[in-house]
Amino acid sequence: MISTGNKDYYGIEPGVIVPFADRWNVRYGYRFRDGLGGSTGERTNTHRLGVGYNFTKTDSVNVRYDRQRGDSEQNSWNLAYIRRV
């Protein structure tokens, strides 16, 4: 892909987090992203499904699977450690 300059995008990403079994949660999110101006050809739809575990009120770990379709197609696994302050 050859870049011809800056591109502007907008995105919408709603989601839900459902807690269960004291420290666990399940997450689902959907992300719609598209380029402004109609000629960028950068539209994507991403579904995200994950599970998280809260060690404490400030420390947690999450594993997430993303399935992206549109201008590019890819699947990815994500692992995150989160520290809230």
N, C-alpha and C. Protein backbone atom coordinates (compact mmCIF):
# COMPACT_ATOMS: atom_id res chain seq x y z
N MET A 1 0.84 -1.18 0.00
CA MET A 1 0.00 0.00 0.00
C MET A 1 0.88 1.24 0.00
N ILE A 2 0.58 2.18 -0.84
CA ILE A 2 1.33 3.43 -0.92
C ILE A 2 0.50 4.53 -0.27
N SER A 3 1.09 5.20 0.69
CA SER A 3 0.40 6.28 1.38
C SER A 3 0.53 7.56 0.56
N THR A 4 -0.59 8.26 0.38
CA THR A 4 -0.57 9.52 -0.36
C THR A 4 -0.85 10.71 0.53
N GLY A 5 -0.76 10.53 1.85
CA GLY A 5 -1.00 11.64 2.76
C GLY A 5 -1.78 11.19 3.98
N ASN A 6 -2.20 12.18 4.75
CA ASN A 6 -2.96 11.90 5.96
C ASN A 6 -4.38 11.47 5.62
N LYS A 7 -4.93 10.60 6.45
CA LYS A 7 -6.32 10.17 6.30
C LYS A 7 -7.04 10.40 7.61
N ASP A 8 -8.29 10.78 7.53
CA ASP A 8 -9.12 10.97 8.71
C ASP A 8 -10.12 9.83 8.81
N TYR A 9 -10.37 9.38 10.03
CA TYR A 9 -11.27 8.26 10.27
C TYR A 9 -12.24 8.60 11.38
N TYR A 10 -13.32 7.86 11.44
CA TYR A 10 -14.21 7.89 12.59
C TYR A 10 -14.49 6.45 12.98
N GLY A 11 -14.79 6.25 14.23
CA GLY A 11 -15.07 4.91 14.71
C GLY A 11 -16.13 4.92 15.80
N ILE A 12 -16.84 3.81 15.88
CA ILE A 12 -17.85 3.60 16.92
C ILE A 12 -17.54 2.25 17.54
N GLU A 13 -17.45 2.19 18.88
CA GLU A 13 -17.07 0.94 19.52
C GLU A 13 -17.88 0.69 20.81
N PRO A 14 -19.11 0.20 20.67
CA PRO A 14 -19.87 -0.17 21.87
C PRO A 14 -19.43 -1.54 22.39
N GLY A 15 -19.69 -1.79 23.65
CA GLY A 15 -19.35 -3.08 24.23
C GLY A 15 -19.99 -3.28 25.59
N VAL A 16 -19.93 -4.50 26.07
CA VAL A 16 -20.46 -4.81 27.39
C VAL A 16 -19.44 -5.65 28.16
N ILE A 17 -19.44 -5.48 29.48
CA ILE A 17 -18.64 -6.29 30.39
C ILE A 17 -19.59 -6.90 31.39
N VAL A 18 -19.59 -8.23 31.48
CA VAL A 18 -20.49 -8.94 32.39
C VAL A 18 -19.65 -9.65 33.45
N PRO A 19 -19.77 -9.20 34.72
CA PRO A 19 -19.03 -9.88 35.79
C PRO A 19 -19.69 -11.20 36.17
N PHE A 20 -18.87 -12.17 36.57
CA PHE A 20 -19.38 -13.44 37.09
C PHE A 20 -18.34 -14.07 38.01
N ALA A 21 -18.77 -14.97 38.85
CA ALA A 21 -17.89 -15.74 39.73
C ALA A 21 -16.90 -14.87 40.50
N ASP A 22 -17.38 -13.83 41.14
CA ASP A 22 -16.62 -12.95 42.03
C ASP A 22 -15.58 -12.10 41.31
N ARG A 23 -14.51 -12.66 40.77
CA ARG A 23 -13.42 -11.86 40.20
C ARG A 23 -13.33 -11.94 38.67
N TRP A 24 -14.15 -12.70 38.04
CA TRP A 24 -14.08 -12.91 36.59
C TRP A 24 -15.05 -12.01 35.85
N ASN A 25 -14.78 -11.76 34.57
CA ASN A 25 -15.73 -11.05 33.71
C ASN A 25 -15.55 -11.51 32.26
N VAL A 26 -16.62 -11.38 31.52
CA VAL A 26 -16.62 -11.65 30.08
C VAL A 26 -16.90 -10.34 29.38
N ARG A 27 -16.22 -10.11 28.25
CA ARG A 27 -16.36 -8.86 27.52
C ARG A 27 -16.70 -9.16 26.06
N TYR A 28 -17.61 -8.35 25.52
CA TYR A 28 -17.87 -8.40 24.08
C TYR A 28 -17.92 -6.96 23.58
N GLY A 29 -17.27 -6.71 22.46
CA GLY A 29 -17.31 -5.39 21.86
C GLY A 29 -17.36 -5.49 20.35
N TYR A 30 -17.86 -4.45 19.74
CA TYR A 30 -17.93 -4.36 18.28
C TYR A 30 -17.37 -3.00 17.89
N ARG A 31 -16.48 -2.97 16.92
CA ARG A 31 -15.89 -1.72 16.46
C ARG A 31 -16.15 -1.53 14.97
N PHE A 32 -16.74 -0.40 14.63
CA PHE A 32 -16.92 0.00 13.24
C PHE A 32 -16.01 1.19 13.00
N ARG A 33 -15.20 1.11 11.94
CA ARG A 33 -14.27 2.19 11.62
C ARG A 33 -14.33 2.45 10.12
N ASP A 34 -14.36 3.73 9.74
CA ASP A 34 -14.41 4.08 8.32
C ASP A 34 -13.65 5.38 8.10
N GLY A 35 -13.19 5.55 6.89
CA GLY A 35 -12.48 6.77 6.52
C GLY A 35 -13.45 7.86 6.13
N LEU A 36 -13.09 9.09 6.39
CA LEU A 36 -13.90 10.24 5.98
C LEU A 36 -13.54 10.62 4.55
N GLY A 37 -14.49 11.11 3.82
CA GLY A 37 -14.22 11.57 2.47
C GLY A 37 -14.60 10.57 1.39
N GLY A 38 -14.93 9.36 1.76
CA GLY A 38 -15.42 8.38 0.80
C GLY A 38 -14.40 7.72 -0.09
N SER A 39 -13.18 8.23 -0.17
CA SER A 39 -12.23 7.64 -1.10
C SER A 39 -11.09 6.90 -0.41
N THR A 40 -11.15 6.78 0.91
CA THR A 40 -10.02 6.17 1.62
C THR A 40 -10.07 4.64 1.58
N GLY A 41 -11.24 4.04 1.43
CA GLY A 41 -11.34 2.59 1.37
C GLY A 41 -10.82 1.89 2.60
N GLU A 42 -11.11 2.43 3.77
CA GLU A 42 -10.56 1.91 5.01
C GLU A 42 -11.65 1.44 5.98
N ARG A 43 -12.71 0.88 5.50
CA ARG A 43 -13.81 0.44 6.37
C ARG A 43 -13.47 -0.92 6.99
N THR A 44 -13.62 -1.03 8.32
CA THR A 44 -13.42 -2.31 8.99
C THR A 44 -14.52 -2.55 10.03
N ASN A 45 -14.82 -3.81 10.24
CA ASN A 45 -15.73 -4.27 11.29
C ASN A 45 -14.94 -5.25 12.15
N THR A 46 -14.89 -5.00 13.44
CA THR A 46 -14.13 -5.87 14.34
C THR A 46 -15.02 -6.34 15.47
N HIS A 47 -15.06 -7.65 15.68
CA HIS A 47 -15.74 -8.24 16.83
C HIS A 47 -14.67 -8.61 17.84
N ARG A 48 -14.92 -8.28 19.12
CA ARG A 48 -13.95 -8.56 20.18
C ARG A 48 -14.62 -9.36 21.29
N LEU A 49 -13.99 -10.46 21.67
CA LEU A 49 -14.50 -11.31 22.75
C LEU A 49 -13.35 -11.59 23.70
N GLY A 50 -13.60 -11.37 24.99
CA GLY A 50 -12.52 -11.55 25.94
C GLY A 50 -13.00 -12.01 27.30
N VAL A 51 -12.04 -12.38 28.12
CA VAL A 51 -12.29 -12.78 29.50
C VAL A 51 -11.23 -12.10 30.37
N GLY A 52 -11.64 -11.68 31.56
CA GLY A 52 -10.71 -11.00 32.46
C GLY A 52 -10.79 -11.55 33.86
N TYR A 53 -9.69 -11.38 34.59
CA TYR A 53 -9.63 -11.80 36.00
C TYR A 53 -9.07 -10.64 36.81
N ASN A 54 -9.78 -10.26 37.89
CA ASN A 54 -9.35 -9.17 38.78
C ASN A 54 -8.63 -9.76 39.98
N PHE A 55 -7.32 -9.55 40.07
CA PHE A 55 -6.55 -10.01 41.22
C PHE A 55 -6.92 -9.20 42.45
N THR A 56 -7.00 -7.88 42.27
CA THR A 56 -7.37 -6.94 43.32
C THR A 56 -8.27 -5.88 42.68
N LYS A 57 -8.62 -4.84 43.45
CA LYS A 57 -9.42 -3.75 42.88
C LYS A 57 -8.64 -2.95 41.84
N THR A 58 -7.31 -3.04 41.89
CA THR A 58 -6.49 -2.24 40.98
C THR A 58 -5.73 -3.06 39.94
N ASP A 59 -5.63 -4.38 40.10
CA ASP A 59 -4.84 -5.21 39.19
C ASP A 59 -5.70 -6.29 38.53
N SER A 60 -5.56 -6.38 37.21
CA SER A 60 -6.32 -7.40 36.47
C SER A 60 -5.54 -7.83 35.23
N VAL A 61 -5.96 -8.95 34.67
CA VAL A 61 -5.39 -9.46 33.44
C VAL A 61 -6.55 -9.81 32.51
N ASN A 62 -6.37 -9.55 31.21
CA ASN A 62 -7.41 -9.82 30.22
C ASN A 62 -6.82 -10.54 29.01
N VAL A 63 -7.59 -11.45 28.47
CA VAL A 63 -7.24 -12.12 27.22
C VAL A 63 -8.39 -11.83 26.26
N ARG A 64 -8.05 -11.41 25.03
CA ARG A 64 -9.09 -11.03 24.08
C ARG A 64 -8.76 -11.58 22.69
N TYR A 65 -9.82 -11.96 21.98
CA TYR A 65 -9.71 -12.40 20.59
C TYR A 65 -10.43 -11.38 19.72
N ASP A 66 -9.75 -10.87 18.70
CA ASP A 66 -10.34 -9.91 17.75
C ASP A 66 -10.46 -10.56 16.38
N ARG A 67 -11.60 -10.37 15.76
CA ARG A 67 -11.83 -10.83 14.38
C ARG A 67 -12.17 -9.60 13.54
N GLN A 68 -11.25 -9.17 12.70
CA GLN A 68 -11.43 -7.97 11.88
C GLN A 68 -11.69 -8.35 10.43
N ARG A 69 -12.70 -7.70 9.85
CA ARG A 69 -13.04 -7.90 8.45
C ARG A 69 -13.30 -6.54 7.82
N GLY A 70 -13.01 -6.43 6.54
CA GLY A 70 -13.23 -5.18 5.81
C GLY A 70 -12.07 -4.90 4.90
N ASP A 71 -11.45 -3.71 5.06
CA ASP A 71 -10.31 -3.35 4.21
C ASP A 71 -9.14 -4.31 4.40
N SER A 72 -9.06 -4.93 5.55
CA SER A 72 -8.09 -5.99 5.80
C SER A 72 -8.77 -7.06 6.64
N GLU A 73 -8.29 -8.28 6.51
CA GLU A 73 -8.86 -9.37 7.28
C GLU A 73 -7.76 -9.96 8.15
N GLN A 74 -8.02 -9.95 9.45
CA GLN A 74 -7.04 -10.54 10.37
C GLN A 74 -7.73 -10.99 11.65
N ASN A 75 -7.12 -11.94 12.29
CA ASN A 75 -7.54 -12.43 13.60
C ASN A 75 -6.36 -12.24 14.53
N SER A 76 -6.63 -11.81 15.75
CA SER A 76 -5.52 -11.60 16.68
C SER A 76 -5.92 -11.95 18.10
N TRP A 77 -4.94 -12.38 18.88
CA TRP A 77 -5.08 -12.62 20.31
C TRP A 77 -4.34 -11.51 21.03
N ASN A 78 -4.93 -11.00 22.11
CA ASN A 78 -4.34 -9.91 22.88
C ASN A 78 -4.32 -10.28 24.36
N LEU A 79 -3.23 -9.99 25.01
CA LEU A 79 -3.07 -10.21 26.43
C LEU A 79 -2.72 -8.88 27.06
N ALA A 80 -3.44 -8.51 28.14
CA ALA A 80 -3.19 -7.22 28.78
C ALA A 80 -3.17 -7.34 30.29
N TYR A 81 -2.22 -6.68 30.91
CA TYR A 81 -2.19 -6.50 32.35
C TYR A 81 -2.62 -5.06 32.60
N ILE A 82 -3.57 -4.84 33.50
CA ILE A 82 -4.11 -3.51 33.75
C ILE A 82 -3.89 -3.14 35.22
N ARG A 83 -3.33 -1.97 35.43
CA ARG A 83 -3.13 -1.43 36.78
C ARG A 83 -3.89 -0.12 36.87
N ARG A 84 -4.92 -0.08 37.68
CA ARG A 84 -5.72 1.14 37.86
C ARG A 84 -5.16 1.94 39.03
N VAL A 85 -5.14 3.25 38.88
CA VAL A 85 -4.62 4.09 39.97
C VAL A 85 -5.69 5.02 40.47
